[in-house]
Amino acid sequence: MLVLLGQLAVSRYIPALYWATILATSTAGTTISDYMDRTLGLGYATGSLILVTLLGAVLGLWWMREKSLSVNEIKSRTGETFYWAAILVSNTLGTALGDFLADDSGLGFGGGALLIGSLLAVLVLAYYFTSISRVLLFWVAFVLTRPFGATFGDLLTKPTDKNGLDFGTQGSSLILFGLLLALVVYDSFRSRHQAAISEENLQETNA
């Protein structure tokens, strides 16, 4: 909650804060999904259906209020609030879908990760070779990244007798944290580089 409030309070993109908020909403989504599916006993299929409906409602309200679901066109605090609400619900839905694939579908951890990875590859191809709405592709891809992460995480942590790689919780956390840190550093460098180029272009224009 604190990182989300911090994210809403700033008026510019700060990679470390943004990705910390993504990580926090992902963790919260996992907790909410487990509560719905296990504690309340709704099951993965019913929980996923409820969350799909909730995500549709959030996106629908966002569209009616802002007339756009593009993350590149968020220009108000209300729009950003809807964005983070959609991110939280998407993460929760993704966790439920990941658990369903790993536990109930018969695919297992590796099969679930392979299926979601293949779907993500199809979305990448659709982005470059079709005229399908980029906004639609983004939100579908975002929902799918969570079950991919969940099944891939299970693949890393689970013992070999359960078709996992047996890195354990600590080992898997270190691997995933290292990947996240590398991506955040890269994103920070890229953002600064683009800002420097924009500044140079502005100076040349004004010269």
N, C-alpha and C. Protein backbone atom coordinates (compact mmCIF):
# COMPACT_ATOMS: atom_id res chain seq x y z
N MET A 1 0.83 -1.21 0.00
CA MET A 1 0.00 0.00 0.00
C MET A 1 0.87 1.26 0.00
N LEU A 2 1.96 1.24 0.75
CA LEU A 2 2.82 2.42 0.83
C LEU A 2 3.47 2.73 -0.52
N VAL A 3 3.95 1.67 -1.21
CA VAL A 3 4.58 1.92 -2.52
C VAL A 3 3.54 2.40 -3.52
N LEU A 4 2.31 1.91 -3.43
CA LEU A 4 1.26 2.37 -4.34
C LEU A 4 0.95 3.84 -4.10
N LEU A 5 0.85 4.24 -2.83
CA LEU A 5 0.62 5.65 -2.52
C LEU A 5 1.78 6.51 -3.00
N GLY A 6 3.00 5.97 -2.86
CA GLY A 6 4.16 6.70 -3.35
C GLY A 6 4.13 6.85 -4.86
N GLN A 7 3.71 5.79 -5.56
CA GLN A 7 3.61 5.84 -7.01
C GLN A 7 2.57 6.85 -7.46
N LEU A 8 1.43 6.89 -6.77
CA LEU A 8 0.38 7.83 -7.12
C LEU A 8 0.77 9.28 -6.80
N ALA A 9 1.70 9.43 -5.87
CA ALA A 9 2.08 10.78 -5.44
C ALA A 9 3.06 11.45 -6.40
N VAL A 10 3.83 10.66 -7.13
CA VAL A 10 4.84 11.24 -8.02
C VAL A 10 4.21 11.56 -9.38
N SER A 11 4.79 12.51 -10.08
CA SER A 11 4.26 12.95 -11.37
C SER A 11 5.14 12.52 -12.54
N ARG A 12 6.19 11.74 -12.27
CA ARG A 12 7.06 11.28 -13.35
C ARG A 12 7.37 9.80 -13.17
N TYR A 13 7.89 9.22 -14.21
CA TYR A 13 8.19 7.79 -14.20
C TYR A 13 9.51 7.53 -13.50
N ILE A 14 9.45 6.77 -12.41
CA ILE A 14 10.64 6.36 -11.67
C ILE A 14 10.70 4.83 -11.73
N PRO A 15 11.58 4.26 -12.54
CA PRO A 15 11.57 2.80 -12.77
C PRO A 15 11.55 1.96 -11.50
N ALA A 16 12.42 2.29 -10.54
CA ALA A 16 12.50 1.48 -9.32
C ALA A 16 11.17 1.51 -8.55
N LEU A 17 10.55 2.70 -8.43
CA LEU A 17 9.28 2.82 -7.72
C LEU A 17 8.17 2.11 -8.48
N TYR A 18 8.15 2.29 -9.78
CA TYR A 18 7.11 1.66 -10.60
C TYR A 18 7.15 0.14 -10.47
N TRP A 19 8.35 -0.43 -10.61
CA TRP A 19 8.45 -1.89 -10.56
C TRP A 19 8.28 -2.43 -9.15
N ALA A 20 8.61 -1.62 -8.15
CA ALA A 20 8.31 -2.02 -6.77
C ALA A 20 6.80 -2.10 -6.56
N THR A 21 6.06 -1.18 -7.19
CA THR A 21 4.60 -1.20 -7.10
C THR A 21 4.03 -2.41 -7.84
N ILE A 22 4.60 -2.72 -8.99
CA ILE A 22 4.19 -3.92 -9.73
C ILE A 22 4.41 -5.16 -8.87
N LEU A 23 5.57 -5.24 -8.23
CA LEU A 23 5.89 -6.38 -7.38
C LEU A 23 4.92 -6.47 -6.20
N ALA A 24 4.60 -5.32 -5.61
CA ALA A 24 3.68 -5.30 -4.46
C ALA A 24 2.28 -5.75 -4.87
N THR A 25 1.78 -5.27 -6.02
CA THR A 25 0.45 -5.68 -6.48
C THR A 25 0.45 -7.15 -6.87
N SER A 26 1.58 -7.64 -7.36
CA SER A 26 1.67 -9.06 -7.69
C SER A 26 1.57 -9.93 -6.44
N THR A 27 2.28 -9.50 -5.39
CA THR A 27 2.21 -10.22 -4.11
C THR A 27 0.81 -10.16 -3.52
N ALA A 28 0.20 -8.98 -3.57
CA ALA A 28 -1.17 -8.83 -3.07
C ALA A 28 -2.13 -9.69 -3.88
N GLY A 29 -1.93 -9.74 -5.20
CA GLY A 29 -2.78 -10.56 -6.05
C GLY A 29 -2.70 -12.02 -5.71
N THR A 30 -1.50 -12.50 -5.40
CA THR A 30 -1.33 -13.89 -5.00
C THR A 30 -2.09 -14.19 -3.71
N THR A 31 -1.99 -13.29 -2.75
CA THR A 31 -2.68 -13.47 -1.47
C THR A 31 -4.20 -13.47 -1.66
N ILE A 32 -4.70 -12.53 -2.46
CA ILE A 32 -6.14 -12.45 -2.70
C ILE A 32 -6.64 -13.70 -3.42
N SER A 33 -5.87 -14.14 -4.43
CA SER A 33 -6.27 -15.33 -5.18
C SER A 33 -6.32 -16.57 -4.29
N ASP A 34 -5.30 -16.73 -3.46
CA ASP A 34 -5.28 -17.89 -2.55
C ASP A 34 -6.45 -17.83 -1.57
N TYR A 35 -6.79 -16.64 -1.12
CA TYR A 35 -7.91 -16.49 -0.19
C TYR A 35 -9.23 -16.89 -0.86
N MET A 36 -9.41 -16.43 -2.09
CA MET A 36 -10.64 -16.75 -2.81
C MET A 36 -10.74 -18.23 -3.14
N ASP A 37 -9.64 -18.78 -3.67
CA ASP A 37 -9.69 -20.14 -4.19
C ASP A 37 -9.61 -21.20 -3.11
N ARG A 38 -8.85 -20.91 -2.03
CA ARG A 38 -8.61 -21.93 -1.01
C ARG A 38 -9.38 -21.66 0.28
N THR A 39 -9.21 -20.47 0.84
CA THR A 39 -9.87 -20.18 2.12
C THR A 39 -11.40 -20.14 1.95
N LEU A 40 -11.87 -19.44 0.91
CA LEU A 40 -13.31 -19.38 0.67
C LEU A 40 -13.82 -20.63 -0.05
N GLY A 41 -12.89 -21.42 -0.59
CA GLY A 41 -13.28 -22.67 -1.23
C GLY A 41 -13.96 -22.50 -2.58
N LEU A 42 -13.71 -21.38 -3.26
CA LEU A 42 -14.36 -21.16 -4.55
C LEU A 42 -13.78 -22.03 -5.66
N GLY A 43 -12.52 -22.41 -5.52
CA GLY A 43 -11.87 -23.18 -6.57
C GLY A 43 -11.28 -22.27 -7.64
N TYR A 44 -10.35 -22.82 -8.41
CA TYR A 44 -9.64 -22.00 -9.40
C TYR A 44 -10.55 -21.53 -10.53
N ALA A 45 -11.43 -22.41 -11.02
CA ALA A 45 -12.29 -22.05 -12.15
C ALA A 45 -13.28 -20.95 -11.76
N THR A 46 -13.95 -21.13 -10.64
CA THR A 46 -14.93 -20.13 -10.19
C THR A 46 -14.24 -18.82 -9.84
N GLY A 47 -13.10 -18.92 -9.15
CA GLY A 47 -12.36 -17.71 -8.81
C GLY A 47 -11.92 -16.95 -10.05
N SER A 48 -11.46 -17.69 -11.07
CA SER A 48 -11.03 -17.05 -12.31
C SER A 48 -12.19 -16.36 -13.01
N LEU A 49 -13.37 -17.00 -13.01
CA LEU A 49 -14.54 -16.41 -13.65
C LEU A 49 -14.95 -15.11 -12.95
N ILE A 50 -14.91 -15.11 -11.62
CA ILE A 50 -15.24 -13.89 -10.86
C ILE A 50 -14.24 -12.78 -11.19
N LEU A 51 -12.98 -13.13 -11.27
CA LEU A 51 -11.94 -12.14 -11.51
C LEU A 51 -11.98 -11.61 -12.94
N VAL A 52 -12.32 -12.46 -13.90
CA VAL A 52 -12.49 -12.00 -15.28
C VAL A 52 -13.60 -10.96 -15.34
N THR A 53 -14.72 -11.25 -14.65
CA THR A 53 -15.83 -10.32 -14.60
C THR A 53 -15.43 -9.00 -13.93
N LEU A 54 -14.68 -9.10 -12.84
CA LEU A 54 -14.23 -7.90 -12.13
C LEU A 54 -13.28 -7.07 -12.98
N LEU A 55 -12.36 -7.75 -13.69
CA LEU A 55 -11.44 -7.03 -14.56
C LEU A 55 -12.20 -6.32 -15.67
N GLY A 56 -13.20 -7.00 -16.24
CA GLY A 56 -14.02 -6.36 -17.26
C GLY A 56 -14.73 -5.13 -16.73
N ALA A 57 -15.20 -5.21 -15.49
CA ALA A 57 -15.89 -4.07 -14.87
C ALA A 57 -14.93 -2.90 -14.66
N VAL A 58 -13.73 -3.18 -14.17
CA VAL A 58 -12.74 -2.12 -13.95
C VAL A 58 -12.37 -1.44 -15.27
N LEU A 59 -12.11 -2.26 -16.30
CA LEU A 59 -11.74 -1.69 -17.60
C LEU A 59 -12.91 -0.91 -18.20
N GLY A 60 -14.14 -1.43 -18.00
CA GLY A 60 -15.31 -0.73 -18.52
C GLY A 60 -15.51 0.63 -17.87
N LEU A 61 -15.38 0.68 -16.54
CA LEU A 61 -15.50 1.94 -15.82
C LEU A 61 -14.39 2.91 -16.22
N TRP A 62 -13.19 2.36 -16.38
CA TRP A 62 -12.06 3.19 -16.82
C TRP A 62 -12.33 3.81 -18.18
N TRP A 63 -12.85 2.99 -19.11
CA TRP A 63 -13.16 3.49 -20.45
C TRP A 63 -14.23 4.58 -20.41
N MET A 64 -15.28 4.36 -19.63
CA MET A 64 -16.35 5.35 -19.55
C MET A 64 -15.86 6.66 -18.95
N ARG A 65 -14.90 6.58 -18.03
CA ARG A 65 -14.41 7.78 -17.36
C ARG A 65 -13.35 8.50 -18.18
N GLU A 66 -12.43 7.74 -18.80
CA GLU A 66 -11.28 8.35 -19.46
C GLU A 66 -11.31 8.24 -20.98
N LYS A 67 -12.22 7.40 -21.52
CA LYS A 67 -12.34 7.20 -22.97
C LYS A 67 -11.09 6.58 -23.60
N SER A 68 -10.29 5.95 -22.81
CA SER A 68 -9.09 5.27 -23.31
C SER A 68 -8.57 4.29 -22.26
N LEU A 69 -8.08 3.14 -22.75
CA LEU A 69 -7.45 2.17 -21.85
C LEU A 69 -5.96 2.07 -22.12
N SER A 70 -5.44 2.98 -22.92
CA SER A 70 -4.02 2.96 -23.25
C SER A 70 -3.17 3.45 -22.08
N VAL A 71 -2.15 2.69 -21.74
CA VAL A 71 -1.27 3.09 -20.64
C VAL A 71 -0.42 4.30 -21.03
N ASN A 72 -0.36 4.59 -22.33
CA ASN A 72 0.41 5.73 -22.79
C ASN A 72 -0.38 7.02 -22.78
N GLU A 73 -1.67 6.92 -22.44
CA GLU A 73 -2.52 8.10 -22.46
C GLU A 73 -3.12 8.41 -21.08
N ILE A 74 -2.47 7.94 -20.04
CA ILE A 74 -2.94 8.22 -18.68
C ILE A 74 -2.48 9.63 -18.31
N LYS A 75 -3.44 10.52 -18.16
CA LYS A 75 -3.11 11.92 -17.93
C LYS A 75 -3.73 12.48 -16.66
N SER A 76 -4.41 11.64 -15.88
CA SER A 76 -5.06 12.14 -14.68
C SER A 76 -4.83 11.15 -13.54
N ARG A 77 -5.01 11.62 -12.31
CA ARG A 77 -4.88 10.76 -11.14
C ARG A 77 -5.96 9.68 -11.16
N THR A 78 -7.15 10.02 -11.67
CA THR A 78 -8.21 9.03 -11.76
C THR A 78 -7.83 7.91 -12.72
N GLY A 79 -7.27 8.30 -13.86
CA GLY A 79 -6.84 7.29 -14.82
C GLY A 79 -5.76 6.39 -14.26
N GLU A 80 -4.83 6.96 -13.52
CA GLU A 80 -3.77 6.15 -12.92
C GLU A 80 -4.32 5.22 -11.84
N THR A 81 -5.33 5.68 -11.11
CA THR A 81 -5.96 4.83 -10.10
C THR A 81 -6.65 3.64 -10.75
N PHE A 82 -7.37 3.88 -11.85
CA PHE A 82 -7.99 2.79 -12.59
C PHE A 82 -6.92 1.83 -13.12
N TYR A 83 -5.81 2.38 -13.58
CA TYR A 83 -4.72 1.55 -14.10
C TYR A 83 -4.21 0.59 -13.04
N TRP A 84 -3.95 1.09 -11.85
CA TRP A 84 -3.42 0.22 -10.79
C TRP A 84 -4.47 -0.75 -10.28
N ALA A 85 -5.74 -0.35 -10.32
CA ALA A 85 -6.81 -1.29 -9.97
C ALA A 85 -6.85 -2.44 -10.97
N ALA A 86 -6.71 -2.11 -12.26
CA ALA A 86 -6.68 -3.14 -13.30
C ALA A 86 -5.46 -4.03 -13.16
N ILE A 87 -4.32 -3.44 -12.79
CA ILE A 87 -3.10 -4.22 -12.58
C ILE A 87 -3.29 -5.22 -11.44
N LEU A 88 -3.88 -4.77 -10.34
CA LEU A 88 -4.11 -5.65 -9.18
C LEU A 88 -5.04 -6.80 -9.54
N VAL A 89 -6.15 -6.50 -10.20
CA VAL A 89 -7.09 -7.55 -10.57
C VAL A 89 -6.45 -8.49 -11.59
N SER A 90 -5.68 -7.94 -12.53
CA SER A 90 -5.01 -8.77 -13.53
C SER A 90 -4.02 -9.73 -12.87
N ASN A 91 -3.27 -9.23 -11.90
CA ASN A 91 -2.33 -10.08 -11.18
C ASN A 91 -3.06 -11.18 -10.40
N THR A 92 -4.19 -10.83 -9.79
CA THR A 92 -4.96 -11.81 -9.05
C THR A 92 -5.53 -12.86 -9.99
N LEU A 93 -6.07 -12.42 -11.12
CA LEU A 93 -6.60 -13.34 -12.13
C LEU A 93 -5.49 -14.24 -12.67
N GLY A 94 -4.34 -13.66 -12.94
CA GLY A 94 -3.23 -14.44 -13.46
C GLY A 94 -2.79 -15.53 -12.50
N THR A 95 -2.79 -15.23 -11.21
CA THR A 95 -2.43 -16.24 -10.20
C THR A 95 -3.43 -17.39 -10.22
N ALA A 96 -4.72 -17.05 -10.28
CA ALA A 96 -5.75 -18.09 -10.31
C ALA A 96 -5.61 -18.97 -11.56
N LEU A 97 -5.34 -18.34 -12.70
CA LEU A 97 -5.17 -19.11 -13.93
C LEU A 97 -3.93 -20.00 -13.86
N GLY A 98 -2.85 -19.46 -13.28
CA GLY A 98 -1.63 -20.24 -13.13
C GLY A 98 -1.83 -21.45 -12.25
N ASP A 99 -2.53 -21.27 -11.13
CA ASP A 99 -2.82 -22.39 -10.23
C ASP A 99 -3.70 -23.43 -10.91
N PHE A 100 -4.66 -22.95 -11.71
CA PHE A 100 -5.54 -23.88 -12.44
C PHE A 100 -4.72 -24.73 -13.42
N LEU A 101 -3.83 -24.08 -14.17
CA LEU A 101 -3.02 -24.81 -15.15
C LEU A 101 -2.09 -25.81 -14.47
N ALA A 102 -1.50 -25.39 -13.35
CA ALA A 102 -0.52 -26.25 -12.68
C ALA A 102 -1.17 -27.40 -11.94
N ASP A 103 -2.35 -27.16 -11.33
CA ASP A 103 -2.94 -28.16 -10.44
C ASP A 103 -4.11 -28.93 -11.03
N ASP A 104 -4.96 -28.26 -11.81
CA ASP A 104 -6.22 -28.88 -12.25
C ASP A 104 -6.25 -29.27 -13.72
N SER A 105 -5.39 -28.68 -14.54
CA SER A 105 -5.48 -28.92 -15.98
C SER A 105 -4.78 -30.19 -16.43
N GLY A 106 -3.88 -30.70 -15.59
CA GLY A 106 -3.10 -31.87 -15.97
C GLY A 106 -1.82 -31.55 -16.72
N LEU A 107 -1.58 -30.27 -17.00
CA LEU A 107 -0.38 -29.88 -17.72
C LEU A 107 0.86 -29.88 -16.84
N GLY A 108 0.67 -29.65 -15.54
CA GLY A 108 1.81 -29.55 -14.64
C GLY A 108 2.49 -28.20 -14.77
N PHE A 109 3.59 -28.01 -14.00
CA PHE A 109 4.29 -26.73 -13.99
C PHE A 109 4.96 -26.43 -15.33
N GLY A 110 5.70 -27.41 -15.83
CA GLY A 110 6.41 -27.21 -17.09
C GLY A 110 5.46 -27.03 -18.26
N GLY A 111 4.41 -27.86 -18.31
CA GLY A 111 3.43 -27.76 -19.39
C GLY A 111 2.68 -26.44 -19.35
N GLY A 112 2.33 -25.99 -18.14
CA GLY A 112 1.64 -24.71 -18.00
C GLY A 112 2.51 -23.55 -18.45
N ALA A 113 3.78 -23.57 -18.05
CA ALA A 113 4.71 -22.51 -18.45
C ALA A 113 4.90 -22.52 -19.96
N LEU A 114 4.99 -23.72 -20.55
CA LEU A 114 5.18 -23.83 -22.01
C LEU A 114 3.96 -23.30 -22.75
N LEU A 115 2.76 -23.62 -22.25
CA LEU A 115 1.53 -23.15 -22.90
C LEU A 115 1.44 -21.64 -22.85
N ILE A 116 1.64 -21.06 -21.66
CA ILE A 116 1.53 -19.61 -21.53
C ILE A 116 2.63 -18.91 -22.32
N GLY A 117 3.85 -19.48 -22.29
CA GLY A 117 4.95 -18.91 -23.06
C GLY A 117 4.63 -18.90 -24.55
N SER A 118 3.98 -19.96 -25.03
CA SER A 118 3.61 -20.03 -26.45
C SER A 118 2.55 -18.98 -26.79
N LEU A 119 1.59 -18.80 -25.89
CA LEU A 119 0.56 -17.78 -26.11
C LEU A 119 1.16 -16.38 -26.13
N LEU A 120 2.13 -16.14 -25.25
CA LEU A 120 2.80 -14.84 -25.25
C LEU A 120 3.57 -14.62 -26.55
N ALA A 121 4.19 -15.68 -27.07
CA ALA A 121 4.90 -15.58 -28.34
C ALA A 121 3.93 -15.24 -29.47
N VAL A 122 2.74 -15.83 -29.44
CA VAL A 122 1.71 -15.51 -30.44
C VAL A 122 1.31 -14.05 -30.35
N LEU A 123 1.19 -13.53 -29.14
CA LEU A 123 0.84 -12.11 -28.96
C LEU A 123 1.93 -11.20 -29.52
N VAL A 124 3.18 -11.58 -29.34
CA VAL A 124 4.29 -10.79 -29.90
C VAL A 124 4.20 -10.75 -31.41
N LEU A 125 3.93 -11.90 -32.01
CA LEU A 125 3.78 -11.96 -33.47
C LEU A 125 2.59 -11.12 -33.92
N ALA A 126 1.50 -11.18 -33.16
CA ALA A 126 0.32 -10.39 -33.49
C ALA A 126 0.62 -8.90 -33.43
N TYR A 127 1.46 -8.51 -32.48
CA TYR A 127 1.83 -7.11 -32.33
C TYR A 127 2.57 -6.60 -33.57
N TYR A 128 3.49 -7.41 -34.09
CA TYR A 128 4.32 -6.96 -35.20
C TYR A 128 3.71 -7.21 -36.57
N PHE A 129 2.81 -8.17 -36.69
CA PHE A 129 2.35 -8.57 -38.01
C PHE A 129 0.85 -8.44 -38.24
N THR A 130 0.11 -7.90 -37.27
CA THR A 130 -1.33 -7.69 -37.46
C THR A 130 -1.70 -6.28 -37.03
N SER A 131 -2.94 -5.92 -37.29
CA SER A 131 -3.43 -4.59 -36.90
C SER A 131 -4.35 -4.67 -35.68
N ILE A 132 -4.28 -5.78 -34.94
CA ILE A 132 -5.08 -5.93 -33.72
C ILE A 132 -4.72 -4.81 -32.74
N SER A 133 -5.72 -4.31 -32.05
CA SER A 133 -5.53 -3.21 -31.10
C SER A 133 -4.36 -3.48 -30.17
N ARG A 134 -3.44 -2.53 -30.13
CA ARG A 134 -2.27 -2.67 -29.25
C ARG A 134 -2.69 -2.64 -27.78
N VAL A 135 -3.75 -1.91 -27.47
CA VAL A 135 -4.25 -1.85 -26.10
C VAL A 135 -4.78 -3.22 -25.68
N LEU A 136 -5.55 -3.86 -26.57
CA LEU A 136 -6.07 -5.20 -26.28
C LEU A 136 -4.94 -6.19 -26.09
N LEU A 137 -3.95 -6.14 -26.98
CA LEU A 137 -2.81 -7.05 -26.87
C LEU A 137 -2.06 -6.84 -25.56
N PHE A 138 -1.92 -5.58 -25.15
CA PHE A 138 -1.20 -5.30 -23.90
C PHE A 138 -1.89 -5.96 -22.71
N TRP A 139 -3.21 -5.76 -22.60
CA TRP A 139 -3.91 -6.28 -21.42
C TRP A 139 -3.99 -7.80 -21.42
N VAL A 140 -4.14 -8.40 -22.60
CA VAL A 140 -4.11 -9.87 -22.66
C VAL A 140 -2.74 -10.38 -22.25
N ALA A 141 -1.69 -9.73 -22.77
CA ALA A 141 -0.33 -10.14 -22.43
C ALA A 141 -0.06 -9.96 -20.95
N PHE A 142 -0.54 -8.85 -20.38
CA PHE A 142 -0.27 -8.61 -18.96
C PHE A 142 -0.92 -9.67 -18.09
N VAL A 143 -2.16 -10.04 -18.42
CA VAL A 143 -2.83 -11.09 -17.65
C VAL A 143 -2.05 -12.40 -17.76
N LEU A 144 -1.53 -12.70 -18.95
CA LEU A 144 -0.84 -13.97 -19.16
C LEU A 144 0.54 -14.03 -18.50
N THR A 145 1.16 -12.86 -18.31
CA THR A 145 2.49 -12.88 -17.68
C THR A 145 2.44 -13.41 -16.26
N ARG A 146 1.30 -13.21 -15.58
CA ARG A 146 1.21 -13.67 -14.18
C ARG A 146 1.15 -15.18 -14.08
N PRO A 147 0.26 -15.88 -14.84
CA PRO A 147 0.30 -17.34 -14.77
C PRO A 147 1.61 -17.93 -15.30
N PHE A 148 2.25 -17.22 -16.25
CA PHE A 148 3.55 -17.69 -16.71
C PHE A 148 4.55 -17.61 -15.57
N GLY A 149 4.54 -16.48 -14.84
CA GLY A 149 5.44 -16.34 -13.70
C GLY A 149 5.15 -17.35 -12.61
N ALA A 150 3.84 -17.60 -12.38
CA ALA A 150 3.46 -18.54 -11.32
C ALA A 150 3.90 -19.97 -11.66
N THR A 151 3.62 -20.39 -12.89
CA THR A 151 4.00 -21.76 -13.29
C THR A 151 5.52 -21.90 -13.41
N PHE A 152 6.18 -20.85 -13.91
CA PHE A 152 7.63 -20.90 -14.01
C PHE A 152 8.26 -20.91 -12.62
N GLY A 153 7.68 -20.12 -11.70
CA GLY A 153 8.18 -20.13 -10.32
C GLY A 153 8.00 -21.49 -9.67
N ASP A 154 6.85 -22.13 -9.91
CA ASP A 154 6.63 -23.47 -9.37
C ASP A 154 7.61 -24.47 -9.97
N LEU A 155 7.89 -24.30 -11.27
CA LEU A 155 8.85 -25.18 -11.93
C LEU A 155 10.23 -25.07 -11.27
N LEU A 156 10.61 -23.86 -10.87
CA LEU A 156 11.90 -23.66 -10.22
C LEU A 156 11.93 -24.22 -8.80
N THR A 157 10.82 -24.04 -8.06
CA THR A 157 10.84 -24.36 -6.63
C THR A 157 10.51 -25.81 -6.30
N LYS A 158 9.64 -26.42 -7.07
CA LYS A 158 9.16 -27.76 -6.70
C LYS A 158 10.25 -28.82 -6.86
N PRO A 159 10.20 -29.88 -6.04
CA PRO A 159 11.21 -30.95 -6.13
C PRO A 159 11.09 -31.73 -7.43
N THR A 160 12.14 -32.43 -7.74
CA THR A 160 12.18 -33.17 -9.01
C THR A 160 11.13 -34.27 -9.08
N ASP A 161 10.74 -34.84 -7.94
CA ASP A 161 9.71 -35.89 -7.98
C ASP A 161 8.33 -35.35 -8.31
N LYS A 162 8.21 -34.00 -8.31
CA LYS A 162 6.97 -33.35 -8.74
C LYS A 162 7.19 -32.58 -10.04
N ASN A 163 8.21 -33.01 -10.79
CA ASN A 163 8.54 -32.43 -12.10
C ASN A 163 9.04 -30.99 -12.01
N GLY A 164 9.61 -30.63 -10.86
CA GLY A 164 10.23 -29.32 -10.71
C GLY A 164 11.74 -29.39 -10.84
N LEU A 165 12.39 -28.24 -10.72
CA LEU A 165 13.85 -28.17 -10.82
C LEU A 165 14.53 -28.16 -9.46
N ASP A 166 13.73 -28.07 -8.38
CA ASP A 166 14.22 -28.22 -7.01
C ASP A 166 15.26 -27.17 -6.61
N PHE A 167 15.06 -25.92 -7.04
CA PHE A 167 15.93 -24.84 -6.58
C PHE A 167 15.50 -24.35 -5.19
N GLY A 168 14.31 -24.72 -4.76
CA GLY A 168 13.83 -24.28 -3.47
C GLY A 168 13.34 -22.84 -3.51
N THR A 169 12.71 -22.43 -2.42
CA THR A 169 12.15 -21.08 -2.36
C THR A 169 13.23 -20.00 -2.40
N GLN A 170 14.29 -20.19 -1.61
CA GLN A 170 15.35 -19.18 -1.55
C GLN A 170 16.11 -19.10 -2.86
N GLY A 171 16.48 -20.26 -3.41
CA GLY A 171 17.22 -20.26 -4.66
C GLY A 171 16.42 -19.65 -5.80
N SER A 172 15.15 -20.02 -5.89
CA SER A 172 14.29 -19.48 -6.94
C SER A 172 14.10 -17.98 -6.77
N SER A 173 13.93 -17.55 -5.50
CA SER A 173 13.76 -16.11 -5.24
C SER A 173 14.98 -15.33 -5.67
N LEU A 174 16.16 -15.87 -5.42
CA LEU A 174 17.39 -15.19 -5.83
C LEU A 174 17.50 -15.10 -7.35
N ILE A 175 17.13 -16.18 -8.03
CA ILE A 175 17.18 -16.18 -9.49
C ILE A 175 16.21 -15.14 -10.06
N LEU A 176 14.97 -15.16 -9.56
CA LEU A 176 13.96 -14.24 -10.08
C LEU A 176 14.26 -12.80 -9.70
N PHE A 177 14.78 -12.60 -8.48
CA PHE A 177 15.15 -11.23 -8.08
C PHE A 177 16.29 -10.71 -8.94
N GLY A 178 17.24 -11.57 -9.26
CA GLY A 178 18.33 -11.17 -10.14
C GLY A 178 17.83 -10.76 -11.52
N LEU A 179 16.88 -11.53 -12.07
CA LEU A 179 16.30 -11.18 -13.36
C LEU A 179 15.56 -9.85 -13.29
N LEU A 180 14.78 -9.67 -12.22
CA LEU A 180 14.03 -8.42 -12.05
C LEU A 180 14.97 -7.24 -11.91
N LEU A 181 16.01 -7.38 -11.11
CA LEU A 181 16.96 -6.30 -10.90
C LEU A 181 17.64 -5.92 -12.21
N ALA A 182 18.02 -6.92 -13.00
CA ALA A 182 18.67 -6.66 -14.29
C ALA A 182 17.74 -5.89 -15.22
N LEU A 183 16.45 -6.25 -15.22
CA LEU A 183 15.49 -5.58 -16.09
C LEU A 183 15.23 -4.15 -15.63
N VAL A 184 15.18 -3.94 -14.31
CA VAL A 184 14.96 -2.58 -13.79
C VAL A 184 16.15 -1.69 -14.12
N VAL A 185 17.36 -2.22 -13.97
CA VAL A 185 18.57 -1.45 -14.31
C VAL A 185 18.57 -1.10 -15.79
N TYR A 186 18.21 -2.08 -16.61
CA TYR A 186 18.16 -1.83 -18.07
C TYR A 186 17.12 -0.77 -18.39
N ASP A 187 15.94 -0.88 -17.77
CA ASP A 187 14.86 0.08 -18.03
C ASP A 187 15.26 1.47 -17.58
N SER A 188 15.95 1.57 -16.45
CA SER A 188 16.41 2.88 -15.96
C SER A 188 17.41 3.49 -16.94
N PHE A 189 18.34 2.67 -17.42
CA PHE A 189 19.33 3.16 -18.38
C PHE A 189 18.67 3.60 -19.67
N ARG A 190 17.70 2.80 -20.16
CA ARG A 190 17.02 3.14 -21.39
C ARG A 190 16.22 4.43 -21.25
N SER A 191 15.55 4.61 -20.11
CA SER A 191 14.76 5.81 -19.88
C SER A 191 15.64 7.06 -19.86
N ARG A 192 16.80 6.95 -19.19
CA ARG A 192 17.72 8.09 -19.14
C ARG A 192 18.29 8.39 -20.52
N HIS A 193 18.58 7.34 -21.28
CA HIS A 193 19.14 7.53 -22.62
C HIS A 193 18.12 8.22 -23.53
N GLN A 194 16.85 7.79 -23.46
CA GLN A 194 15.81 8.40 -24.27
C GLN A 194 15.57 9.85 -23.85
N ALA A 195 15.64 10.12 -22.54
CA ALA A 195 15.46 11.48 -22.06
C ALA A 195 16.60 12.38 -22.56
N ALA A 196 17.82 11.84 -22.58
CA ALA A 196 18.96 12.61 -23.06
C ALA A 196 18.83 12.92 -24.55
N ILE A 197 18.35 11.94 -25.32
CA ILE A 197 18.16 12.15 -26.75
C ILE A 197 17.08 13.20 -27.00
N SER A 198 15.99 13.13 -26.23
CA SER A 198 14.90 14.11 -26.37
C SER A 198 15.39 15.51 -26.05
N GLU A 199 16.23 15.62 -25.01
CA GLU A 199 16.79 16.92 -24.63
C GLU A 199 17.69 17.47 -25.73
N GLU A 200 18.50 16.59 -26.32
CA GLU A 200 19.38 17.02 -27.42
C GLU A 200 18.57 17.49 -28.62
N ASN A 201 17.54 16.74 -28.96
CA ASN A 201 16.69 17.12 -30.09
C ASN A 201 15.99 18.46 -29.83
N LEU A 202 15.57 18.68 -28.58
CA LEU A 202 14.92 19.94 -28.23
C LEU A 202 15.89 21.11 -28.36
N GLN A 203 17.12 20.90 -27.91
CA GLN A 203 18.12 21.95 -28.00
C GLN A 203 18.45 22.27 -29.46
N GLU A 204 18.51 21.23 -30.30
CA GLU A 204 18.79 21.47 -31.74
C GLU A 204 17.64 22.21 -32.39
N THR A 205 16.42 21.91 -31.95
CA THR A 205 15.25 22.58 -32.52
C THR A 205 15.22 24.05 -32.15
N ASN A 206 15.62 24.34 -30.92
CA ASN A 206 15.60 25.74 -30.43
C ASN A 206 16.81 26.54 -30.90
N ALA A 207 17.83 25.84 -31.40
CA ALA A 207 19.06 26.53 -31.81
C ALA A 207 18.82 27.38 -33.07
